[in-house]
Amino acid sequence: MIDDYEKYLDEDGYPTEEALDLIDNWDMDNIDGLFVFVKNLWWSPDWGWKEEVEESNGREVKIYSISTGGWSGNEELIRHLKKKELFWEMCLSSYRRGGHYKFDDRYWKYVR
C-alpha cells in the first residue's frame, strides 16, 4: 500500500516518470490498487472521478467514470493505462469524445 502519493507528483502536480513506470508495471492481480493509485494522482478527482458499485449476475461490479478535464496530466495517466492492452480491452466499457472514460471490472474477474 502506498502512503505518500505526493512523491509521485512533480511540483506542478503532474505525474512523475516513477509514477508512470509504476502504472506500466503494475501487478494486474491488484486492479483495485491500480485504480486507487491513479485516483490519488488524478487532478480534480472530486469533479472528474466517480465510483459506483452495482450487481450483475449476482456479482459486485465496480464502475469507474472518469473525465480528464482536458488536463494533460490526467491524459498522460490514461495513455499509460491504455498501454496495458489486456486491461484496456477488458475494463474499458465506454469512451466519449472530450476525455470521458468508463471502466468496470465485470470481465476482469472472470479472467483473473
PDB file of N, CA and C in Angstrom:
ATOM      1  N   MET A   1       0.847  -1.185   0.000  1.00  0.00           N
ATOM      2  CA  MET A   1       0.000   0.000   0.000  1.00  0.00           C
ATOM      3  C   MET A   1       0.890   1.244   0.000  1.00  0.00           C
ATOM      4  N   ILE A   2       0.510   2.218  -0.769  1.00  0.00           N
ATOM      5  CA  ILE A   2       1.280   3.451  -0.878  1.00  0.00           C
ATOM      6  C   ILE A   2       0.683   4.487   0.062  1.00  0.00           C
ATOM      7  N   ASP A   3       1.537   5.106   0.863  1.00  0.00           N
ATOM      8  CA  ASP A   3       1.063   6.096   1.829  1.00  0.00           C
ATOM      9  C   ASP A   3       1.293   7.527   1.381  1.00  0.00           C
ATOM     10  N   ASP A   4       2.333   7.760   0.570  1.00  0.00           N
ATOM     11  CA  ASP A   4       2.706   9.120   0.206  1.00  0.00           C
ATOM     12  C   ASP A   4       2.602   9.305  -1.305  1.00  0.00           C
ATOM     13  N   TYR A   5       1.412   9.694  -1.750  1.00  0.00           N
ATOM     14  CA  TYR A   5       1.201   9.879  -3.188  1.00  0.00           C
ATOM     15  C   TYR A   5       1.854  11.144  -3.713  1.00  0.00           C
ATOM     16  N   GLU A   6       2.094  12.104  -2.831  1.00  0.00           N
ATOM     17  CA  GLU A   6       2.696  13.376  -3.250  1.00  0.00           C
ATOM     18  C   GLU A   6       4.034  13.175  -3.943  1.00  0.00           C
ATOM     19  N   LYS A   7       4.783  12.158  -3.534  1.00  0.00           N
ATOM     20  CA  LYS A   7       6.108  11.947  -4.140  1.00  0.00           C
ATOM     21  C   LYS A   7       5.996  11.497  -5.595  1.00  0.00           C
ATOM     22  N   TYR A   8       4.798  11.116  -6.019  1.00  0.00           N
ATOM     23  CA  TYR A   8       4.583  10.685  -7.400  1.00  0.00           C
ATOM     24  C   TYR A   8       4.037  11.807  -8.285  1.00  0.00           C
ATOM     25  N   LEU A   9       4.015  13.017  -7.733  1.00  0.00           N
ATOM     26  CA  LEU A   9       3.602  14.202  -8.491  1.00  0.00           C
ATOM     27  C   LEU A   9       4.743  15.210  -8.462  1.00  0.00           C
ATOM     28  N   ASP A  10       4.970  15.883  -9.587  1.00  0.00           N
ATOM     29  CA  ASP A  10       6.024  16.907  -9.593  1.00  0.00           C
ATOM     30  C   ASP A  10       5.492  18.202  -8.973  1.00  0.00           C
ATOM     31  N   GLU A  11       6.300  19.233  -8.981  1.00  0.00           N
ATOM     32  CA  GLU A  11       5.923  20.496  -8.322  1.00  0.00           C
ATOM     33  C   GLU A  11       4.719  21.173  -8.968  1.00  0.00           C
ATOM     34  N   ASP A  12       4.391  20.800 -10.208  1.00  0.00           N
ATOM     35  CA  ASP A  12       3.217  21.362 -10.886  1.00  0.00           C
ATOM     36  C   ASP A  12       2.003  20.438 -10.819  1.00  0.00           C
ATOM     37  N   GLY A  13       2.137  19.318 -10.112  1.00  0.00           N
ATOM     38  CA  GLY A  13       1.015  18.389  -9.956  1.00  0.00           C
ATOM     39  C   GLY A  13       0.896  17.344 -11.043  1.00  0.00           C
ATOM     40  N   TYR A  14       1.903  17.229 -11.895  1.00  0.00           N
ATOM     41  CA  TYR A  14       1.891  16.220 -12.957  1.00  0.00           C
ATOM     42  C   TYR A  14       2.504  14.916 -12.452  1.00  0.00           C
ATOM     43  N   PRO A  15       2.037  13.772 -12.956  1.00  0.00           N
ATOM     44  CA  PRO A  15       2.633  12.503 -12.535  1.00  0.00           C
ATOM     45  C   PRO A  15       4.101  12.418 -12.960  1.00  0.00           C
ATOM     46  N   THR A  16       4.928  11.900 -12.068  1.00  0.00           N
ATOM     47  CA  THR A  16       6.351  11.745 -12.356  1.00  0.00           C
ATOM     48  C   THR A  16       6.584  10.511 -13.225  1.00  0.00           C
ATOM     49  N   GLU A  17       7.783  10.419 -13.772  1.00  0.00           N
ATOM     50  CA  GLU A  17       8.153   9.225 -14.541  1.00  0.00           C
ATOM     51  C   GLU A  17       8.065   7.984 -13.660  1.00  0.00           C
ATOM     52  N   GLU A  18       8.431   8.117 -12.393  1.00  0.00           N
ATOM     53  CA  GLU A  18       8.347   6.992 -11.466  1.00  0.00           C
ATOM     54  C   GLU A  18       6.898   6.507 -11.343  1.00  0.00           C
ATOM     55  N   ALA A  19       5.961   7.436 -11.251  1.00  0.00           N
ATOM     56  CA  ALA A  19       4.540   7.070 -11.158  1.00  0.00           C
ATOM     57  C   ALA A  19       4.083   6.362 -12.423  1.00  0.00           C
ATOM     58  N   LEU A  20       4.472   6.885 -13.573  1.00  0.00           N
ATOM     59  CA  LEU A  20       4.066   6.286 -14.850  1.00  0.00           C
ATOM     60  C   LEU A  20       4.683   4.905 -15.025  1.00  0.00           C
ATOM     61  N   ASP A  21       5.923   4.736 -14.566  1.00  0.00           N
ATOM     62  CA  ASP A  21       6.561   3.416 -14.610  1.00  0.00           C
ATOM     63  C   ASP A  21       5.821   2.427 -13.713  1.00  0.00           C
ATOM     64  N   LEU A  22       5.368   2.896 -12.549  1.00  0.00           N
ATOM     65  CA  LEU A  22       4.603   2.014 -11.657  1.00  0.00           C
ATOM     66  C   LEU A  22       3.322   1.539 -12.334  1.00  0.00           C
ATOM     67  N   ILE A  23       2.639   2.444 -13.032  1.00  0.00           N
ATOM     68  CA  ILE A  23       1.423   2.059 -13.756  1.00  0.00           C
ATOM     69  C   ILE A  23       1.765   1.039 -14.839  1.00  0.00           C
ATOM     70  N   ASP A  24       2.825   1.320 -15.600  1.00  0.00           N
ATOM     71  CA  ASP A  24       3.225   0.415 -16.683  1.00  0.00           C
ATOM     72  C   ASP A  24       3.527  -0.994 -16.177  1.00  0.00           C
ATOM     73  N   ASN A  25       4.050  -1.093 -14.973  1.00  0.00           N
ATOM     74  CA  ASN A  25       4.497  -2.380 -14.432  1.00  0.00           C
ATOM     75  C   ASN A  25       3.613  -2.891 -13.304  1.00  0.00           C
ATOM     76  N   TRP A  26       2.415  -2.351 -13.191  1.00  0.00           N
ATOM     77  CA  TRP A  26       1.517  -2.712 -12.091  1.00  0.00           C
ATOM     78  C   TRP A  26       1.151  -4.190 -12.145  1.00  0.00           C
ATOM     79  N   ASP A  27       1.118  -4.837 -10.989  1.00  0.00           N
ATOM     80  CA  ASP A  27       0.678  -6.228 -10.875  1.00  0.00           C
ATOM     81  C   ASP A  27      -0.841  -6.255 -11.067  1.00  0.00           C
ATOM     82  N   MET A  28      -1.279  -6.824 -12.165  1.00  0.00           N
ATOM     83  CA  MET A  28      -2.696  -6.760 -12.503  1.00  0.00           C
ATOM     84  C   MET A  28      -3.562  -7.706 -11.682  1.00  0.00           C
ATOM     85  N   ASP A  29      -2.963  -8.427 -10.747  1.00  0.00           N
ATOM     86  CA  ASP A  29      -3.771  -9.164  -9.779  1.00  0.00           C
ATOM     87  C   ASP A  29      -4.369  -8.201  -8.757  1.00  0.00           C
ATOM     88  N   ASN A  30      -3.929  -6.953  -8.796  1.00  0.00           N
ATOM     89  CA  ASN A  30      -4.407  -5.924  -7.875  1.00  0.00           C
ATOM     90  C   ASN A  30      -4.997  -4.751  -8.654  1.00  0.00           C
ATOM     91  N   ILE A  31      -6.050  -5.016  -9.403  1.00  0.00           N
ATOM     92  CA  ILE A  31      -6.674  -3.975 -10.222  1.00  0.00           C
ATOM     93  C   ILE A  31      -7.293  -2.878  -9.347  1.00  0.00           C
ATOM     94  N   ASP A  32      -7.829  -3.261  -8.184  1.00  0.00           N
ATOM     95  CA  ASP A  32      -8.381  -2.247  -7.279  1.00  0.00           C
ATOM     96  C   ASP A  32      -7.295  -1.274  -6.847  1.00  0.00           C
ATOM     97  N   GLY A  33      -6.116  -1.807  -6.559  1.00  0.00           N
ATOM     98  CA  GLY A  33      -4.988  -0.958  -6.164  1.00  0.00           C
ATOM     99  C   GLY A  33      -4.562  -0.017  -7.276  1.00  0.00           C
ATOM    100  N   LEU A  34      -4.631  -0.482  -8.518  1.00  0.00           N
ATOM    101  CA  LEU A  34      -4.298   0.372  -9.660  1.00  0.00           C
ATOM    102  C   LEU A  34      -5.240   1.568  -9.719  1.00  0.00           C
ATOM    103  N   PHE A  35      -6.532   1.323  -9.566  1.00  0.00           N
ATOM    104  CA  PHE A  35      -7.491   2.428  -9.594  1.00  0.00           C
ATOM    105  C   PHE A  35      -7.266   3.384  -8.422  1.00  0.00           C
ATOM    106  N   VAL A  36      -6.952   2.860  -7.247  1.00  0.00           N
ATOM    107  CA  VAL A  36      -6.666   3.719  -6.085  1.00  0.00           C
ATOM    108  C   VAL A  36      -5.444   4.586  -6.379  1.00  0.00           C
ATOM    109  N   PHE A  37      -4.401   3.971  -6.933  1.00  0.00           N
ATOM    110  CA  PHE A  37      -3.172   4.712  -7.237  1.00  0.00           C
ATOM    111  C   PHE A  37      -3.445   5.835  -8.231  1.00  0.00           C
ATOM    112  N   VAL A  38      -4.101   5.505  -9.336  1.00  0.00           N
ATOM    113  CA  VAL A  38      -4.372   6.507 -10.369  1.00  0.00           C
ATOM    114  C   VAL A  38      -5.277   7.615  -9.818  1.00  0.00           C
ATOM    115  N   LYS A  39      -6.277   7.248  -9.044  1.00  0.00           N
ATOM    116  CA  LYS A  39      -7.171   8.267  -8.473  1.00  0.00           C
ATOM    117  C   LYS A  39      -6.398   9.253  -7.600  1.00  0.00           C
ATOM    118  N   ASN A  40      -5.424   8.768  -6.856  1.00  0.00           N
ATOM    119  CA  ASN A  40      -4.641   9.644  -5.984  1.00  0.00           C
ATOM    120  C   ASN A  40      -3.686  10.550  -6.752  1.00  0.00           C
ATOM    121  N   LEU A  41      -3.471  10.273  -8.023  1.00  0.00           N
ATOM    122  CA  LEU A  41      -2.651  11.140  -8.873  1.00  0.00           C
ATOM    123  C   LEU A  41      -3.515  12.047  -9.754  1.00  0.00           C
ATOM    124  N   TRP A  42      -4.809  11.796  -9.791  1.00  0.00           N
ATOM    125  CA  TRP A  42      -5.742  12.473 -10.697  1.00  0.00           C
ATOM    126  C   TRP A  42      -5.938  13.919 -10.280  1.00  0.00           C
ATOM    127  N   TRP A  43      -5.855  14.816 -11.249  1.00  0.00           N
ATOM    128  CA  TRP A  43      -6.150  16.221 -10.982  1.00  0.00           C
ATOM    129  C   TRP A  43      -7.663  16.382 -10.857  1.00  0.00           C
ATOM    130  N   SER A  44      -8.122  16.971  -9.787  1.00  0.00           N
ATOM    131  CA  SER A  44      -9.523  17.271  -9.524  1.00  0.00           C
ATOM    132  C   SER A  44     -10.419  16.020  -9.495  1.00  0.00           C
ATOM    133  N   PRO A  45     -10.070  15.031  -8.654  1.00  0.00           N
ATOM    134  CA  PRO A  45     -10.900  13.824  -8.605  1.00  0.00           C
ATOM    135  C   PRO A  45     -12.314  14.083  -8.083  1.00  0.00           C
ATOM    136  N   ASP A  46     -12.501  15.137  -7.297  1.00  0.00           N
ATOM    137  CA  ASP A  46     -13.852  15.440  -6.805  1.00  0.00           C
ATOM    138  C   ASP A  46     -14.783  15.806  -7.952  1.00  0.00           C
ATOM    139  N   TRP A  47     -14.234  16.308  -9.037  1.00  0.00           N
ATOM    140  CA  TRP A  47     -15.032  16.637 -10.217  1.00  0.00           C
ATOM    141  C   TRP A  47     -14.971  15.515 -11.266  1.00  0.00           C
ATOM    142  N   GLY A  48     -13.782  14.969 -11.493  1.00  0.00           N
ATOM    143  CA  GLY A  48     -13.589  14.080 -12.640  1.00  0.00           C
ATOM    144  C   GLY A  48     -13.471  12.606 -12.335  1.00  0.00           C
ATOM    145  N   TRP A  49     -13.892  12.186 -11.147  1.00  0.00           N
ATOM    146  CA  TRP A  49     -13.760  10.759 -10.812  1.00  0.00           C
ATOM    147  C   TRP A  49     -14.964  10.331  -9.995  1.00  0.00           C
ATOM    148  N   LYS A  50     -15.672   9.335 -10.471  1.00  0.00           N
ATOM    149  CA  LYS A  50     -16.845   8.824  -9.758  1.00  0.00           C
ATOM    150  C   LYS A  50     -16.763   7.297  -9.715  1.00  0.00           C
ATOM    151  N   GLU A  51     -17.042   6.733  -8.558  1.00  0.00           N
ATOM    152  CA  GLU A  51     -17.031   5.280  -8.400  1.00  0.00           C
ATOM    153  C   GLU A  51     -18.405   4.814  -7.941  1.00  0.00           C
ATOM    154  N   GLU A  52     -18.848   3.718  -8.520  1.00  0.00           N
ATOM    155  CA  GLU A  52     -20.134   3.121  -8.153  1.00  0.00           C
ATOM    156  C   GLU A  52     -19.956   1.617  -8.056  1.00  0.00           C
ATOM    157  N   VAL A  53     -20.859   0.986  -7.364  1.00  0.00           N
ATOM    158  CA  VAL A  53     -20.899  -0.471  -7.298  1.00  0.00           C
ATOM    159  C   VAL A  53     -22.313  -0.892  -7.682  1.00  0.00           C
ATOM    160  N   GLU A  54     -22.413  -1.880  -8.571  1.00  0.00           N
ATOM    161  CA  GLU A  54     -23.713  -2.425  -8.928  1.00  0.00           C
ATOM    162  C   GLU A  54     -23.599  -3.945  -8.939  1.00  0.00           C
ATOM    163  N   GLU A  55     -24.721  -4.581  -8.964  1.00  0.00           N
ATOM    164  CA  GLU A  55     -24.727  -6.039  -9.017  1.00  0.00           C
ATOM    165  C   GLU A  55     -25.050  -6.481 -10.439  1.00  0.00           C
ATOM    166  N   SER A  56     -24.308  -7.474 -10.902  1.00  0.00           N
ATOM    167  CA  SER A  56     -24.531  -8.022 -12.231  1.00  0.00           C
ATOM    168  C   SER A  56     -24.362  -9.537 -12.143  1.00  0.00           C
ATOM    169  N   ASN A  57     -25.413 -10.257 -12.454  1.00  0.00           N
ATOM    170  CA  ASN A  57     -25.392 -11.722 -12.388  1.00  0.00           C
ATOM    171  C   ASN A  57     -24.935 -12.229 -11.027  1.00  0.00           C
ATOM    172  N   GLY A  58     -25.401 -11.579  -9.976  1.00  0.00           N
ATOM    173  CA  GLY A  58     -25.080 -11.999  -8.620  1.00  0.00           C
ATOM    174  C   GLY A  58     -23.689 -11.624  -8.150  1.00  0.00           C
ATOM    175  N   ARG A  59     -22.982 -10.806  -8.925  1.00  0.00           N
ATOM    176  CA  ARG A  59     -21.630 -10.381  -8.567  1.00  0.00           C
ATOM    177  C   ARG A  59     -21.569  -8.865  -8.418  1.00  0.00           C
ATOM    178  N   GLU A  60     -20.717  -8.421  -7.512  1.00  0.00           N
ATOM    179  CA  GLU A  60     -20.479  -6.990  -7.341  1.00  0.00           C
ATOM    180  C   GLU A  60     -19.548  -6.512  -8.449  1.00  0.00           C
ATOM    181  N   VAL A  61     -19.936  -5.429  -9.114  1.00  0.00           N
ATOM    182  CA  VAL A  61     -19.137  -4.846 -10.185  1.00  0.00           C
ATOM    183  C   VAL A  61     -18.803  -3.408  -9.803  1.00  0.00           C
ATOM    184  N   LYS A  62     -17.515  -3.071  -9.862  1.00  0.00           N
ATOM    185  CA  LYS A  62     -17.089  -1.701  -9.595  1.00  0.00           C
ATOM    186  C   LYS A  62     -17.029  -0.950 -10.913  1.00  0.00           C
ATOM    187  N   ILE A  63     -17.600   0.250 -10.909  1.00  0.00           N
ATOM    188  CA  ILE A  63     -17.654   1.086 -12.106  1.00  0.00           C
ATOM    189  C   ILE A  63     -16.946   2.400 -11.799  1.00  0.00           C
ATOM    190  N   TYR A  64     -16.035   2.773 -12.683  1.00  0.00           N
ATOM    191  CA  TYR A  64     -15.264   4.000 -12.533  1.00  0.00           C
ATOM    192  C   TYR A  64     -15.564   4.907 -13.722  1.00  0.00           C
ATOM    193  N   SER A  65     -16.170   6.048 -13.469  1.00  0.00           N
ATOM    194  CA  SER A  65     -16.437   7.038 -14.519  1.00  0.00           C
ATOM    195  C   SER A  65     -15.457   8.172 -14.290  1.00  0.00           C
ATOM    196  N   ILE A  66     -14.552   8.361 -15.239  1.00  0.00           N
ATOM    197  CA  ILE A  66     -13.519   9.376 -15.049  1.00  0.00           C
ATOM    198  C   ILE A  66     -13.432  10.286 -16.269  1.00  0.00           C
ATOM    199  N   SER A  67     -13.148  11.543 -15.993  1.00  0.00           N
ATOM    200  CA  SER A  67     -13.012  12.550 -17.049  1.00  0.00           C
ATOM    201  C   SER A  67     -11.702  13.286 -16.847  1.00  0.00           C
ATOM    202  N   THR A  68     -10.987  13.482 -17.940  1.00  0.00           N
ATOM    203  CA  THR A  68      -9.667  14.122 -17.849  1.00  0.00           C
ATOM    204  C   THR A  68      -9.754  15.621 -17.613  1.00  0.00           C
ATOM    205  N   GLY A  69     -10.886  16.226 -17.943  1.00  0.00           N
ATOM    206  CA  GLY A  69     -10.994  17.672 -17.820  1.00  0.00           C
ATOM    207  C   GLY A  69     -10.053  18.409 -18.765  1.00  0.00           C
ATOM    208  N   GLY A  70      -9.510  17.675 -19.752  1.00  0.00           N
ATOM    209  CA  GLY A  70      -8.579  18.283 -20.698  1.00  0.00           C
ATOM    210  C   GLY A  70      -7.201  18.515 -20.113  1.00  0.00           C
ATOM    211  N   TRP A  71      -7.002  18.083 -18.862  1.00  0.00           N
ATOM    212  CA  TRP A  71      -5.718  18.331 -18.211  1.00  0.00           C
ATOM    213  C   TRP A  71      -4.702  17.301 -18.677  1.00  0.00           C
ATOM    214  N   SER A  72      -3.563  17.745 -19.155  1.00  0.00           N
ATOM    215  CA  SER A  72      -2.584  16.845 -19.769  1.00  0.00           C
ATOM    216  C   SER A  72      -2.022  15.816 -18.796  1.00  0.00           C
ATOM    217  N   GLY A  73      -1.965  16.116 -17.509  1.00  0.00           N
ATOM    218  CA  GLY A  73      -1.518  15.129 -16.534  1.00  0.00           C
ATOM    219  C   GLY A  73      -2.469  13.947 -16.457  1.00  0.00           C
ATOM    220  N   ASN A  74      -3.767  14.228 -16.463  1.00  0.00           N
ATOM    221  CA  ASN A  74      -4.761  13.147 -16.464  1.00  0.00           C
ATOM    222  C   ASN A  74      -4.707  12.361 -17.774  1.00  0.00           C
ATOM    223  N   GLU A  75      -4.512  13.072 -18.867  1.00  0.00           N
ATOM    224  CA  GLU A  75      -4.432  12.402 -20.164  1.00  0.00           C
ATOM    225  C   GLU A  75      -3.204  11.499 -20.237  1.00  0.00           C
ATOM    226  N   GLU A  76      -2.120  11.902 -19.584  1.00  0.00           N
ATOM    227  CA  GLU A  76      -0.919  11.059 -19.530  1.00  0.00           C
ATOM    228  C   GLU A  76      -1.199   9.781 -18.742  1.00  0.00           C
ATOM    229  N   LEU A  77      -1.938   9.903 -17.650  1.00  0.00           N
ATOM    230  CA  LEU A  77      -2.317   8.713 -16.881  1.00  0.00           C
ATOM    231  C   LEU A  77      -3.153   7.762 -17.743  1.00  0.00           C
ATOM    232  N   ILE A  78      -4.087   8.312 -18.497  1.00  0.00           N
ATOM    233  CA  ILE A  78      -4.910   7.491 -19.395  1.00  0.00           C
ATOM    234  C   ILE A  78      -4.039   6.803 -20.442  1.00  0.00           C
ATOM    235  N   ARG A  79      -3.073   7.522 -21.021  1.00  0.00           N
ATOM    236  CA  ARG A  79      -2.183   6.916 -22.023  1.00  0.00           C
ATOM    237  C   ARG A  79      -1.461   5.693 -21.452  1.00  0.00           C
ATOM    238  N   HIS A  80      -1.050   5.790 -20.193  1.00  0.00           N
ATOM    239  CA  HIS A  80      -0.335   4.670 -19.586  1.00  0.00           C
ATOM    240  C   HIS A  80      -1.273   3.525 -19.218  1.00  0.00           C
ATOM    241  N   LEU A  81      -2.502   3.824 -18.859  1.00  0.00           N
ATOM    242  CA  LEU A  81      -3.481   2.750 -18.673  1.00  0.00           C
ATOM    243  C   LEU A  81      -3.745   2.041 -20.000  1.00  0.00           C
ATOM    244  N   LYS A  82      -3.820   2.817 -21.064  1.00  0.00           N
ATOM    245  CA  LYS A  82      -4.107   2.254 -22.386  1.00  0.00           C
ATOM    246  C   LYS A  82      -2.990   1.316 -22.858  1.00  0.00           C
ATOM    247  N   LYS A  83      -1.765   1.564 -22.400  1.00  0.00           N
ATOM    248  CA  LYS A  83      -0.648   0.698 -22.758  1.00  0.00           C
ATOM    249  C   LYS A  83      -0.812  -0.706 -22.173  1.00  0.00           C
ATOM    250  N   LYS A  84      -1.633  -0.836 -21.157  1.00  0.00           N
ATOM    251  CA  LYS A  84      -1.914  -2.144 -20.563  1.00  0.00           C
ATOM    252  C   LYS A  84      -3.056  -2.756 -21.378  1.00  0.00           C
ATOM    253  N   GLU A  85      -2.723  -3.363 -22.499  1.00  0.00           N
ATOM    254  CA  GLU A  85      -3.700  -3.736 -23.515  1.00  0.00           C
ATOM    255  C   GLU A  85      -4.811  -4.659 -23.002  1.00  0.00           C
ATOM    256  N   LEU A  86      -4.468  -5.681 -22.256  1.00  0.00           N
ATOM    257  CA  LEU A  86      -5.498  -6.591 -21.761  1.00  0.00           C
ATOM    258  C   LEU A  86      -6.438  -5.863 -20.805  1.00  0.00           C
ATOM    259  N   PHE A  87      -5.878  -5.068 -19.927  1.00  0.00           N
ATOM    260  CA  PHE A  87      -6.693  -4.249 -19.023  1.00  0.00           C
ATOM    261  C   PHE A  87      -7.643  -3.365 -19.835  1.00  0.00           C
ATOM    262  N   TRP A  88      -7.107  -2.678 -20.827  1.00  0.00           N
ATOM    263  CA  TRP A  88      -7.891  -1.740 -21.636  1.00  0.00           C
ATOM    264  C   TRP A  88      -9.042  -2.460 -22.340  1.00  0.00           C
ATOM    265  N   GLU A  89      -8.742  -3.608 -22.933  1.00  0.00           N
ATOM    266  CA  GLU A  89      -9.770  -4.364 -23.661  1.00  0.00           C
ATOM    267  C   GLU A  89     -10.837  -4.935 -22.729  1.00  0.00           C
ATOM    268  N   MET A  90     -10.437  -5.340 -21.542  1.00  0.00           N
ATOM    269  CA  MET A  90     -11.365  -5.998 -20.622  1.00  0.00           C
ATOM    270  C   MET A  90     -12.133  -5.016 -19.740  1.00  0.00           C
ATOM    271  N   CYS A  91     -11.551  -3.864 -19.451  1.00  0.00           N
ATOM    272  CA  CYS A  91     -12.152  -2.971 -18.446  1.00  0.00           C
ATOM    273  C   CYS A  91     -12.778  -1.690 -19.010  1.00  0.00           C
ATOM    274  N   LEU A  92     -12.334  -1.235 -20.160  1.00  0.00           N
ATOM    275  CA  LEU A  92     -12.945  -0.041 -20.736  1.00  0.00           C
ATOM    276  C   LEU A  92     -14.330  -0.402 -21.252  1.00  0.00           C
ATOM    277  N   SER A  93     -15.357   0.211 -20.679  1.00  0.00           N
ATOM    278  CA  SER A  93     -16.716  -0.110 -21.138  1.00  0.00           C
ATOM    279  C   SER A  93     -17.258   0.952 -22.074  1.00  0.00           C
ATOM    280  N   SER A  94     -16.747   2.185 -21.972  1.00  0.00           N
ATOM    281  CA  SER A  94     -17.167   3.206 -22.929  1.00  0.00           C
ATOM    282  C   SER A  94     -16.210   4.386 -22.890  1.00  0.00           C
ATOM    283  N   TYR A  95     -16.241   5.123 -23.998  1.00  0.00           N
ATOM    284  CA  TYR A  95     -15.458   6.348 -24.131  1.00  0.00           C
ATOM    285  C   TYR A  95     -16.312   7.364 -24.866  1.00  0.00           C
ATOM    286  N   ARG A  96     -16.291   8.598 -24.388  1.00  0.00           N
ATOM    287  CA  ARG A  96     -16.954   9.695 -25.096  1.00  0.00           C
ATOM    288  C   ARG A  96     -15.910  10.750 -25.423  1.00  0.00           C
ATOM    289  N   ARG A  97     -16.048  11.297 -26.603  1.00  0.00           N
ATOM    290  CA  ARG A  97     -15.151  12.366 -27.015  1.00  0.00           C
ATOM    291  C   ARG A  97     -15.112  13.434 -25.942  1.00  0.00           C
ATOM    292  N   GLY A  98     -13.947  13.982 -25.736  1.00  0.00           N
ATOM    293  CA  GLY A  98     -13.783  15.003 -24.713  1.00  0.00           C
ATOM    294  C   GLY A  98     -13.101  14.469 -23.463  1.00  0.00           C
ATOM    295  N   GLY A  99     -12.642  13.208 -23.508  1.00  0.00           N
ATOM    296  CA  GLY A  99     -11.889  12.661 -22.394  1.00  0.00           C
ATOM    297  C   GLY A  99     -12.724  12.036 -21.294  1.00  0.00           C
ATOM    298  N   HIS A 100     -13.843  11.437 -21.663  1.00  0.00           N
ATOM    299  CA  HIS A 100     -14.722  10.791 -20.682  1.00  0.00           C
ATOM    300  C   HIS A 100     -14.623   9.270 -20.855  1.00  0.00           C
ATOM    301  N   TYR A 101     -14.207   8.598 -19.808  1.00  0.00           N
ATOM    302  CA  TYR A 101     -13.978   7.152 -19.840  1.00  0.00           C
ATOM    303  C   TYR A 101     -14.804   6.471 -18.763  1.00  0.00           C
ATOM    304  N   LYS A 102     -15.240   5.266 -19.085  1.00  0.00           N
ATOM    305  CA  LYS A 102     -15.947   4.455 -18.101  1.00  0.00           C
ATOM    306  C   LYS A 102     -15.299   3.080 -18.103  1.00  0.00           C
ATOM    307  N   PHE A 103     -14.872   2.656 -16.927  1.00  0.00           N
ATOM    308  CA  PHE A 103     -14.246   1.351 -16.746  1.00  0.00           C
ATOM    309  C   PHE A 103     -15.086   0.546 -15.772  1.00  0.00           C
ATOM    310  N   ASP A 104     -15.039  -0.767 -15.918  1.00  0.00           N
ATOM    311  CA  ASP A 104     -15.602  -1.618 -14.875  1.00  0.00           C
ATOM    312  C   ASP A 104     -14.804  -2.915 -14.828  1.00  0.00           C
ATOM    313  N   ASP A 105     -14.982  -3.636 -13.737  1.00  0.00           N
ATOM    314  CA  ASP A 105     -14.187  -4.852 -13.536  1.00  0.00           C
ATOM    315  C   ASP A 105     -14.987  -6.127 -13.755  1.00  0.00           C
ATOM    316  N   ARG A 106     -16.143  -6.036 -14.390  1.00  0.00           N
ATOM    317  CA  ARG A 106     -17.014  -7.218 -14.521  1.00  0.00           C
ATOM    318  C   ARG A 106     -16.349  -8.355 -15.284  1.00  0.00           C
ATOM    319  N   TYR A 107     -15.602  -8.093 -16.337  1.00  0.00           N
ATOM    320  CA  TYR A 107     -14.971  -9.167 -17.108  1.00  0.00           C
ATOM    321  C   TYR A 107     -13.606  -9.542 -16.548  1.00  0.00           C
ATOM    322  N   TRP A 108     -12.952  -8.597 -15.927  1.00  0.00           N
ATOM    323  CA  TRP A 108     -11.633  -8.854 -15.364  1.00  0.00           C
ATOM    324  C   TRP A 108     -11.697  -9.978 -14.329  1.00  0.00           C
ATOM    325  N   LYS A 109     -12.757  -9.994 -13.553  1.00  0.00           N
ATOM    326  CA  LYS A 109     -12.913 -11.001 -12.505  1.00  0.00           C
ATOM    327  C   LYS A 109     -13.019 -12.418 -13.079  1.00  0.00           C
ATOM    328  N   TYR A 110     -13.496 -12.523 -14.308  1.00  0.00           N
ATOM    329  CA  TYR A 110     -13.643 -13.840 -14.920  1.00  0.00           C
ATOM    330  C   TYR A 110     -12.317 -14.388 -15.440  1.00  0.00           C
ATOM    331  N   VAL A 111     -11.424 -13.514 -15.865  1.00  0.00           N
ATOM    332  CA  VAL A 111     -10.164 -13.976 -16.466  1.00  0.00           C
ATOM    333  C   VAL A 111      -9.027 -14.044 -15.458  1.00  0.00           C
ATOM    334  N   ARG A 112      -9.187 -13.451 -14.315  1.00  0.00           N
ATOM    335  CA  ARG A 112      -8.091 -13.406 -13.334  1.00  0.00           C
ATOM    336  C   ARG A 112      -8.254 -14.452 -12.294  1.00  0.00           C
TER     337      ARG A 112
END
